C-alpha cells in the first residue's frame, strides 16, 4: 500500500511539474511580446508627436502623457489629423 501511495505521489509531482513548465512556456508567447512592442511603439510615437510641437506647454504635455497610458487613446491620437490632435490636446 505504501509503495502504491508513493508511486501515485511521484506521478502527481511529475504531472504537476510538466503542467507548470508548459504554462511557463506559453506565459510569454511571441504574440504577447509583439503586442508589448506594438504598444511601446505607439507610446513612443505619441511622445514624438507632442515633442515636436513647440506650442504645447508642460501642463498639457504631462496630461497627454497620462492619457497615453490608454492604448485606445494612443491609437486614436496617432491616427488623428494634425488639427484634430491639437483640438484633442486643447481639451485636456
PDB file of N, CA and C in Angstrom:
ATOM      1  N   UNK A   1       0.831  -1.192   0.000  1.00  0.00           N
ATOM      2  CA  UNK A   1       0.000   0.000   0.000  1.00  0.00           C
ATOM      3  C   UNK A   1       0.873   1.252   0.000  1.00  0.00           C
ATOM      4  N   UNK A   2       1.914   1.252   0.839  1.00  0.00           N
ATOM      5  CA  UNK A   2       2.800   2.406   0.931  1.00  0.00           C
ATOM      6  C   UNK A   2       3.503   2.656  -0.399  1.00  0.00           C
ATOM      7  N   UNK A   3       3.941   1.575  -1.050  1.00  0.00           N
ATOM      8  CA  UNK A   3       4.615   1.731  -2.341  1.00  0.00           C
ATOM      9  C   UNK A   3       3.681   2.321  -3.388  1.00  0.00           C
ATOM     10  N   UNK A   4       2.437   1.888  -3.371  1.00  0.00           N
ATOM     11  CA  UNK A   4       1.461   2.406  -4.331  1.00  0.00           C
ATOM     12  C   UNK A   4       1.212   3.894  -4.093  1.00  0.00           C
ATOM     13  N   UNK A   5       1.117   4.271  -2.827  1.00  0.00           N
ATOM     14  CA  UNK A   5       0.895   5.674  -2.480  1.00  0.00           C
ATOM     15  C   UNK A   5       2.090   6.534  -2.885  1.00  0.00           C
ATOM     16  N   UNK A   6       3.288   6.032  -2.656  1.00  0.00           N
ATOM     17  CA  UNK A   6       4.497   6.763  -3.061  1.00  0.00           C
ATOM     18  C   UNK A   6       4.575   6.907  -4.582  1.00  0.00           C
ATOM     19  N   UNK A   7       4.237   5.841  -5.295  1.00  0.00           N
ATOM     20  CA  UNK A   7       4.256   5.890  -6.755  1.00  0.00           C
ATOM     21  C   UNK A   7       3.226   6.890  -7.274  1.00  0.00           C
ATOM     22  N   UNK A   8       2.045   6.888  -6.673  1.00  0.00           N
ATOM     23  CA  UNK A   8       0.996   7.826  -7.084  1.00  0.00           C
ATOM     24  C   UNK A   8       1.435   9.265  -6.817  1.00  0.00           C
ATOM     25  N   UNK A   9       2.047   9.512  -5.641  1.00  0.00           N
ATOM     26  CA  UNK A   9       2.528  10.849  -5.289  1.00  0.00           C
ATOM     27  C   UNK A   9       3.594  11.314  -6.272  1.00  0.00           C
ATOM     28  N   UNK A  10       4.502  10.416  -6.614  1.00  0.00           N
ATOM     29  CA  UNK A  10       5.570  10.756  -7.557  1.00  0.00           C
ATOM     30  C   UNK A  10       4.992  11.074  -8.940  1.00  0.00           C
ATOM     31  N   UNK A  11       4.023  10.302  -9.372  1.00  0.00           N
ATOM     32  CA  UNK A  11       3.381  10.549 -10.670  1.00  0.00           C
ATOM     33  C   UNK A  11       2.663  11.900 -10.669  1.00  0.00           C
ATOM     34  N   UNK A  12       2.024  12.230  -9.565  1.00  0.00           N
ATOM     35  CA  UNK A  12       1.329  13.514  -9.456  1.00  0.00           C
ATOM     36  C   UNK A  12       2.322  14.671  -9.519  1.00  0.00           C
ATOM     37  N   UNK A  13       3.476  14.514  -8.873  1.00  0.00           N
ATOM     38  CA  UNK A  13       4.506  15.557  -8.906  1.00  0.00           C
ATOM     39  C   UNK A  13       5.022  15.767 -10.329  1.00  0.00           C
ATOM     40  N   UNK A  14       5.269  14.672 -11.031  1.00  0.00           N
ATOM     41  CA  UNK A  14       5.768  14.756 -12.404  1.00  0.00           C
ATOM     42  C   UNK A  14       4.747  15.467 -13.291  1.00  0.00           C
ATOM     43  N   UNK A  15       3.485  15.093 -13.139  1.00  0.00           N
ATOM     44  CA  UNK A  15       2.427  15.722 -13.941  1.00  0.00           C
ATOM     45  C   UNK A  15       2.307  17.211 -13.618  1.00  0.00           C
ATOM     46  N   UNK A  16       2.382  17.563 -12.340  1.00  0.00           N
ATOM     47  CA  UNK A  16       2.305  18.964 -11.923  1.00  0.00           C
ATOM     48  C   UNK A  16       3.462  19.763 -12.501  1.00  0.00           C
ATOM     49  N   UNK A  17       4.666  19.217 -12.416  1.00  0.00           N
ATOM     50  CA  UNK A  17       5.841  19.911 -12.956  1.00  0.00           C
ATOM     51  C   UNK A  17       5.740  20.092 -14.471  1.00  0.00           C
ATOM     52  N   UNK A  18       5.201  19.095 -15.156  1.00  0.00           N
ATOM     53  CA  UNK A  18       5.024  19.204 -16.605  1.00  0.00           C
ATOM     54  C   UNK A  18       4.022  20.307 -16.940  1.00  0.00           C
ATOM     55  N   UNK A  19       2.940  20.367 -16.188  1.00  0.00           N
ATOM     56  CA  UNK A  19       1.931  21.416 -16.411  1.00  0.00           C
ATOM     57  C   UNK A  19       2.507  22.802 -16.131  1.00  0.00           C
ATOM     58  N   UNK A  20       3.291  22.927 -15.068  1.00  0.00           N
ATOM     59  CA  UNK A  20       3.904  24.214 -14.734  1.00  0.00           C
ATOM     60  C   UNK A  20       4.892  24.654 -15.814  1.00  0.00           C
ATOM     61  N   UNK A  21       5.667  23.700 -16.321  1.00  0.00           N
ATOM     62  CA  UNK A  21       6.624  24.019 -17.383  1.00  0.00           C
ATOM     63  C   UNK A  21       5.893  24.471 -18.647  1.00  0.00           C
ATOM     64  N   UNK A  22       4.797  23.796 -18.961  1.00  0.00           N
ATOM     65  CA  UNK A  22       4.011  24.163 -20.141  1.00  0.00           C
ATOM     66  C   UNK A  22       3.399  25.552 -19.970  1.00  0.00           C
ATOM     67  N   UNK A  23       2.882  25.838 -18.789  1.00  0.00           N
ATOM     68  CA  UNK A  23       2.288  27.150 -18.521  1.00  0.00           C
ATOM     69  C   UNK A  23       3.340  28.248 -18.623  1.00  0.00           C
ATOM     70  N   UNK A  24       4.530  27.984 -18.108  1.00  0.00           N
ATOM     71  CA  UNK A  24       5.610  28.967 -18.165  1.00  0.00           C
ATOM     72  C   UNK A  24       6.012  29.243 -19.612  1.00  0.00           C
ATOM     73  N   UNK A  25       6.026  28.186 -20.418  1.00  0.00           N
ATOM     74  CA  UNK A  25       6.391  28.320 -21.829  1.00  0.00           C
ATOM     75  C   UNK A  25       5.406  29.222 -22.567  1.00  0.00           C
ATOM     76  N   UNK A  26       4.127  29.051 -22.297  1.00  0.00           N
ATOM     77  CA  UNK A  26       3.103  29.817 -23.008  1.00  0.00           C
ATOM     78  C   UNK A  26       2.787  31.150 -22.365  1.00  0.00           C
ATOM     79  N   UNK A  27       3.287  31.364 -21.165  1.00  0.00           N
ATOM     80  CA  UNK A  27       3.016  32.622 -20.474  1.00  0.00           C
ATOM     81  C   UNK A  27       3.564  33.803 -21.262  1.00  0.00           C
ATOM     82  N   UNK A  28       4.728  33.650 -21.827  1.00  0.00           N
ATOM     83  CA  UNK A  28       5.368  34.723 -22.586  1.00  0.00           C
ATOM     84  C   UNK A  28       5.452  34.287 -24.042  1.00  0.00           C
ATOM     85  N   UNK A  29       4.313  34.201 -24.702  1.00  0.00           N
ATOM     86  CA  UNK A  29       4.275  33.776 -26.095  1.00  0.00           C
ATOM     87  C   UNK A  29       4.741  34.910 -27.006  1.00  0.00           C
ATOM     88  N   UNK A  30       5.161  34.590 -28.217  1.00  0.00           N
ATOM     89  CA  UNK A  30       5.603  35.628 -29.158  1.00  0.00           C
ATOM     90  C   UNK A  30       4.524  36.670 -29.450  1.00  0.00           C
ATOM     91  N   UNK A  31       3.261  36.259 -29.459  1.00  0.00           N
ATOM     92  CA  UNK A  31       2.203  37.233 -29.737  1.00  0.00           C
ATOM     93  C   UNK A  31       2.107  38.266 -28.625  1.00  0.00           C
ATOM     94  N   UNK A  32       2.322  37.854 -27.375  1.00  0.00           N
ATOM     95  CA  UNK A  32       2.311  38.808 -26.265  1.00  0.00           C
ATOM     96  C   UNK A  32       3.480  39.768 -26.376  1.00  0.00           C
ATOM     97  N   UNK A  33       4.642  39.253 -26.750  1.00  0.00           N
ATOM     98  CA  UNK A  33       5.812  40.108 -26.905  1.00  0.00           C
ATOM     99  C   UNK A  33       5.584  41.102 -28.032  1.00  0.00           C
ATOM    100  N   UNK A  34       4.953  40.660 -29.110  1.00  0.00           N
ATOM    101  CA  UNK A  34       4.648  41.556 -30.221  1.00  0.00           C
ATOM    102  C   UNK A  34       3.701  42.657 -29.806  1.00  0.00           C
ATOM    103  N   UNK A  35       2.680  42.318 -29.019  1.00  0.00           N
ATOM    104  CA  UNK A  35       1.737  43.327 -28.545  1.00  0.00           C
ATOM    105  C   UNK A  35       2.434  44.339 -27.654  1.00  0.00           C
ATOM    106  N   UNK A  36       3.322  43.859 -26.799  1.00  0.00           N
ATOM    107  CA  UNK A  36       4.049  44.754 -25.904  1.00  0.00           C
ATOM    108  C   UNK A  36       4.914  45.721 -26.709  1.00  0.00           C
ATOM    109  N   UNK A  37       5.583  45.192 -27.719  1.00  0.00           N
ATOM    110  CA  UNK A  37       6.413  46.044 -28.566  1.00  0.00           C
ATOM    111  C   UNK A  37       5.553  47.017 -29.349  1.00  0.00           C
ATOM    112  N   UNK A  38       4.396  46.559 -29.815  1.00  0.00           N
ATOM    113  CA  UNK A  38       3.487  47.433 -30.557  1.00  0.00           C
ATOM    114  C   UNK A  38       3.008  48.573 -29.671  1.00  0.00           C
ATOM    115  N   UNK A  39       2.633  48.250 -28.428  1.00  0.00           N
ATOM    116  CA  UNK A  39       2.181  49.284 -27.503  1.00  0.00           C
ATOM    117  C   UNK A  39       3.304  50.263 -27.190  1.00  0.00           C
ATOM    118  N   UNK A  40       4.503  49.748 -27.021  1.00  0.00           N
ATOM    119  CA  UNK A  40       5.648  50.616 -26.748  1.00  0.00           C
ATOM    120  C   UNK A  40       5.885  51.539 -27.933  1.00  0.00           C
ATOM    121  N   UNK A  41       5.754  50.994 -29.136  1.00  0.00           N
ATOM    122  CA  UNK A  41       5.934  51.814 -30.328  1.00  0.00           C
ATOM    123  C   UNK A  41       4.906  52.935 -30.354  1.00  0.00           C
ATOM    124  N   UNK A  42       3.648  52.598 -30.081  1.00  0.00           N
ATOM    125  CA  UNK A  42       2.623  53.636 -30.088  1.00  0.00           C
ATOM    126  C   UNK A  42       2.909  54.692 -29.034  1.00  0.00           C
ATOM    127  N   UNK A  43       3.354  54.280 -27.868  1.00  0.00           N
ATOM    128  CA  UNK A  43       3.676  55.231 -26.807  1.00  0.00           C
ATOM    129  C   UNK A  43       4.813  56.139 -27.254  1.00  0.00           C
ATOM    130  N   UNK A  44       5.849  55.551 -27.810  1.00  0.00           N
ATOM    131  CA  UNK A  44       6.984  56.328 -28.309  1.00  0.00           C
ATOM    132  C   UNK A  44       6.545  57.271 -29.423  1.00  0.00           C
ATOM    133  N   UNK A  45       5.716  56.785 -30.315  1.00  0.00           N
ATOM    134  CA  UNK A  45       5.223  57.606 -31.429  1.00  0.00           C
ATOM    135  C   UNK A  45       4.430  58.801 -30.908  1.00  0.00           C
ATOM    136  N   UNK A  46       3.565  58.576 -29.928  1.00  0.00           N
ATOM    137  CA  UNK A  46       2.762  59.667 -29.357  1.00  0.00           C
ATOM    138  C   UNK A  46       3.652  60.731 -28.724  1.00  0.00           C
ATOM    139  N   UNK A  47       4.647  60.291 -27.986  1.00  0.00           N
ATOM    140  CA  UNK A  47       5.554  61.241 -27.337  1.00  0.00           C
ATOM    141  C   UNK A  47       6.339  62.012 -28.395  1.00  0.00           C
ATOM    142  N   UNK A  48       6.775  61.339 -29.446  1.00  0.00           N
ATOM    143  CA  UNK A  48       7.486  62.031 -30.522  1.00  0.00           C
ATOM    144  C   UNK A  48       6.610  63.102 -31.165  1.00  0.00           C
ATOM    145  N   UNK A  49       5.335  62.799 -31.325  1.00  0.00           N
ATOM    146  CA  UNK A  49       4.415  63.765 -31.939  1.00  0.00           C
ATOM    147  C   UNK A  49       4.311  65.023 -31.086  1.00  0.00           C
ATOM    148  N   UNK A  50       4.128  64.848 -29.776  1.00  0.00           N
ATOM    149  CA  UNK A  50       3.960  66.047 -28.940  1.00  0.00           C
ATOM    150  C   UNK A  50       5.288  66.743 -28.658  1.00  0.00           C
ATOM    151  N   UNK A  51       6.388  66.003 -28.712  1.00  0.00           N
ATOM    152  CA  UNK A  51       7.705  66.628 -28.533  1.00  0.00           C
ATOM    153  C   UNK A  51       7.980  67.622 -29.657  1.00  0.00           C
ATOM    154  N   UNK A  52       7.495  67.321 -30.844  1.00  0.00           N
ATOM    155  CA  UNK A  52       7.749  68.179 -31.991  1.00  0.00           C
ATOM    156  C   UNK A  52       6.874  69.421 -32.056  1.00  0.00           C
ATOM    157  N   UNK A  53       5.995  69.595 -31.103  1.00  0.00           N
ATOM    158  CA  UNK A  53       5.068  70.734 -31.107  1.00  0.00           C
ATOM    159  C   UNK A  53       5.482  71.732 -30.037  1.00  0.00           C
ATOM    160  N   UNK A  54       6.028  72.858 -30.450  1.00  0.00           N
ATOM    161  CA  UNK A  54       6.518  73.866 -29.503  1.00  0.00           C
ATOM    162  C   UNK A  54       5.406  74.548 -28.725  1.00  0.00           C
ATOM    163  N   UNK A  55       4.205  74.609 -29.300  1.00  0.00           N
ATOM    164  CA  UNK A  55       3.108  75.324 -28.644  1.00  0.00           C
ATOM    165  C   UNK A  55       2.504  74.556 -27.463  1.00  0.00           C
ATOM    166  N   UNK A  56       2.942  73.329 -27.240  1.00  0.00           N
ATOM    167  CA  UNK A  56       2.399  72.534 -26.135  1.00  0.00           C
ATOM    168  C   UNK A  56       3.170  72.859 -24.861  1.00  0.00           C
ATOM    169  N   UNK A  57       2.456  73.384 -23.866  1.00  0.00           N
ATOM    170  CA  UNK A  57       3.120  73.726 -22.604  1.00  0.00           C
ATOM    171  C   UNK A  57       3.283  72.474 -21.733  1.00  0.00           C
ATOM    172  N   UNK A  58       4.018  72.612 -20.645  1.00  0.00           N
ATOM    173  CA  UNK A  58       4.327  71.472 -19.780  1.00  0.00           C
ATOM    174  C   UNK A  58       3.082  70.825 -19.183  1.00  0.00           C
ATOM    175  N   UNK A  59       2.090  71.633 -18.822  1.00  0.00           N
ATOM    176  CA  UNK A  59       0.866  71.101 -18.226  1.00  0.00           C
ATOM    177  C   UNK A  59       0.128  70.193 -19.212  1.00  0.00           C
ATOM    178  N   UNK A  60      -0.053  70.662 -20.426  1.00  0.00           N
ATOM    179  CA  UNK A  60      -0.733  69.862 -21.454  1.00  0.00           C
ATOM    180  C   UNK A  60       0.108  68.633 -21.794  1.00  0.00           C
ATOM    181  N   UNK A  61       1.412  68.815 -21.866  1.00  0.00           N
ATOM    182  CA  UNK A  61       2.318  67.705 -22.163  1.00  0.00           C
ATOM    183  C   UNK A  61       2.143  66.574 -21.145  1.00  0.00           C
ATOM    184  N   UNK A  62       2.150  66.915 -19.865  1.00  0.00           N
ATOM    185  CA  UNK A  62       2.034  65.894 -18.822  1.00  0.00           C
ATOM    186  C   UNK A  62       0.648  65.245 -18.820  1.00  0.00           C
ATOM    187  N   UNK A  63      -0.390  66.026 -19.097  1.00  0.00           N
ATOM    188  CA  UNK A  63      -1.733  65.451 -19.196  1.00  0.00           C
ATOM    189  C   UNK A  63      -1.815  64.480 -20.377  1.00  0.00           C
ATOM    190  N   UNK A  64      -1.177  64.843 -21.479  1.00  0.00           N
ATOM    191  CA  UNK A  64      -1.168  63.964 -22.649  1.00  0.00           C
ATOM    192  C   UNK A  64      -0.436  62.665 -22.338  1.00  0.00           C
ATOM    193  N   UNK A  65       0.690  62.763 -21.659  1.00  0.00           N
ATOM    194  CA  UNK A  65       1.446  61.563 -21.297  1.00  0.00           C
ATOM    195  C   UNK A  65       0.583  60.637 -20.433  1.00  0.00           C
ATOM    196  N   UNK A  66      -0.188  61.195 -19.525  1.00  0.00           N
ATOM    197  CA  UNK A  66      -1.111  60.389 -18.710  1.00  0.00           C
ATOM    198  C   UNK A  66      -2.152  59.706 -19.592  1.00  0.00           C
ATOM    199  N   UNK A  67      -2.700  60.440 -20.563  1.00  0.00           N
ATOM    200  CA  UNK A  67      -3.704  59.866 -21.466  1.00  0.00           C
ATOM    201  C   UNK A  67      -3.110  58.757 -22.326  1.00  0.00           C
ATOM    202  N   UNK A  68      -1.815  58.868 -22.645  1.00  0.00           N
ATOM    203  CA  UNK A  68      -1.175  57.870 -23.493  1.00  0.00           C
ATOM    204  C   UNK A  68      -1.082  56.506 -22.819  1.00  0.00           C
ATOM    205  N   UNK A  69      -1.370  56.421 -21.530  1.00  0.00           N
ATOM    206  CA  UNK A  69      -1.409  55.118 -20.859  1.00  0.00           C
ATOM    207  C   UNK A  69      -2.555  54.260 -21.387  1.00  0.00           C
ATOM    208  N   UNK A  70      -3.570  54.911 -21.953  1.00  0.00           N
ATOM    209  CA  UNK A  70      -4.733  54.220 -22.515  1.00  0.00           C
ATOM    210  C   UNK A  70      -4.442  53.879 -23.979  1.00  0.00           C
ATOM    211  N   UNK A  71      -4.368  52.592 -24.297  1.00  0.00           N
ATOM    212  CA  UNK A  71      -3.996  52.167 -25.652  1.00  0.00           C
ATOM    213  C   UNK A  71      -4.996  52.644 -26.706  1.00  0.00           C
ATOM    214  N   UNK A  72      -6.275  52.704 -26.366  1.00  0.00           N
ATOM    215  CA  UNK A  72      -7.268  53.198 -27.329  1.00  0.00           C
ATOM    216  C   UNK A  72      -7.021  54.672 -27.649  1.00  0.00           C
ATOM    217  N   UNK A  73      -6.724  55.450 -26.614  1.00  0.00           N
ATOM    218  CA  UNK A  73      -6.471  56.876 -26.813  1.00  0.00           C
ATOM    219  C   UNK A  73      -5.222  57.080 -27.660  1.00  0.00           C
ATOM    220  N   UNK A  74      -4.179  56.272 -27.419  1.00  0.00           N
ATOM    221  CA  UNK A  74      -2.943  56.370 -28.215  1.00  0.00           C
ATOM    222  C   UNK A  74      -3.223  56.093 -29.685  1.00  0.00           C
ATOM    223  N   UNK A  75      -3.981  55.036 -29.934  1.00  0.00           N
ATOM    224  CA  UNK A  75      -4.268  54.680 -31.323  1.00  0.00           C
ATOM    225  C   UNK A  75      -5.046  55.791 -32.023  1.00  0.00           C
ATOM    226  N   UNK A  76      -6.036  56.333 -31.346  1.00  0.00           N
ATOM    227  CA  UNK A  76      -6.797  57.442 -31.922  1.00  0.00           C
ATOM    228  C   UNK A  76      -5.898  58.643 -32.180  1.00  0.00           C
ATOM    229  N   UNK A  77      -5.067  58.973 -31.209  1.00  0.00           N
ATOM    230  CA  UNK A  77      -4.197  60.145 -31.321  1.00  0.00           C
ATOM    231  C   UNK A  77      -3.249  60.027 -32.513  1.00  0.00           C
ATOM    232  N   UNK A  78      -2.620  58.869 -32.655  1.00  0.00           N
ATOM    233  CA  UNK A  78      -1.663  58.674 -33.748  1.00  0.00           C
ATOM    234  C   UNK A  78      -2.354  58.821 -35.102  1.00  0.00           C
ATOM    235  N   UNK A  79      -3.592  58.400 -35.193  1.00  0.00           N
ATOM    236  CA  UNK A  79      -4.299  58.418 -36.476  1.00  0.00           C
ATOM    237  C   UNK A  79      -5.091  59.693 -36.741  1.00  0.00           C
ATOM    238  N   UNK A  80      -5.115  60.631 -35.801  1.00  0.00           N
ATOM    239  CA  UNK A  80      -5.819  61.908 -36.000  1.00  0.00           C
ATOM    240  C   UNK A  80      -5.025  62.818 -36.933  1.00  0.00           C
ATOM    241  N   UNK A  81      -5.747  63.723 -37.578  1.00  0.00           N
ATOM    242  CA  UNK A  81      -5.075  64.760 -38.363  1.00  0.00           C
ATOM    243  C   UNK A  81      -4.389  65.722 -37.386  1.00  0.00           C
ATOM    244  N   UNK A  82      -3.502  66.539 -37.898  1.00  0.00           N
ATOM    245  CA  UNK A  82      -2.783  67.497 -37.056  1.00  0.00           C
ATOM    246  C   UNK A  82      -3.745  68.439 -36.338  1.00  0.00           C
ATOM    247  N   UNK A  83      -4.766  68.905 -37.047  1.00  0.00           N
ATOM    248  CA  UNK A  83      -5.742  69.813 -36.432  1.00  0.00           C
ATOM    249  C   UNK A  83      -6.518  69.124 -35.309  1.00  0.00           C
ATOM    250  N   UNK A  84      -6.892  67.882 -35.526  1.00  0.00           N
ATOM    251  CA  UNK A  84      -7.645  67.145 -34.503  1.00  0.00           C
ATOM    252  C   UNK A  84      -6.759  66.825 -33.296  1.00  0.00           C
ATOM    253  N   UNK A  85      -5.482  66.552 -33.562  1.00  0.00           N
ATOM    254  CA  UNK A  85      -4.556  66.321 -32.443  1.00  0.00           C
ATOM    255  C   UNK A  85      -4.496  67.557 -31.563  1.00  0.00           C
ATOM    256  N   UNK A  86      -4.370  68.709 -32.205  1.00  0.00           N
ATOM    257  CA  UNK A  86      -4.297  69.963 -31.450  1.00  0.00           C
ATOM    258  C   UNK A  86      -5.584  70.185 -30.661  1.00  0.00           C
ATOM    259  N   UNK A  87      -6.728  69.920 -31.291  1.00  0.00           N
ATOM    260  CA  UNK A  87      -8.015  70.077 -30.605  1.00  0.00           C
ATOM    261  C   UNK A  87      -8.116  69.110 -29.426  1.00  0.00           C
ATOM    262  N   UNK A  88      -7.662  67.893 -29.621  1.00  0.00           N
ATOM    263  CA  UNK A  88      -7.687  66.906 -28.540  1.00  0.00           C
ATOM    264  C   UNK A  88      -6.805  67.316 -27.378  1.00  0.00           C
ATOM    265  N   UNK A  89      -5.635  67.847 -27.678  1.00  0.00           N
ATOM    266  CA  UNK A  89      -4.719  68.297 -26.628  1.00  0.00           C
ATOM    267  C   UNK A  89      -5.265  69.526 -25.909  1.00  0.00           C
ATOM    268  N   UNK A  90      -5.940  70.397 -26.639  1.00  0.00           N
ATOM    269  CA  UNK A  90      -6.523  71.595 -26.016  1.00  0.00           C
ATOM    270  C   UNK A  90      -7.611  71.244 -25.004  1.00  0.00           C
ATOM    271  N   UNK A  91      -8.240  70.100 -25.172  1.00  0.00           N
ATOM    272  CA  UNK A  91      -9.333  69.704 -24.280  1.00  0.00           C
ATOM    273  C   UNK A  91      -8.851  69.002 -23.018  1.00  0.00           C
ATOM    274  N   UNK A  92      -7.575  68.750 -22.916  1.00  0.00           N
ATOM    275  CA  UNK A  92      -7.055  68.046 -21.724  1.00  0.00           C
ATOM    276  C   UNK A  92      -7.047  68.952 -20.513  1.00  0.00           C
TER     277      UNK A  92
END
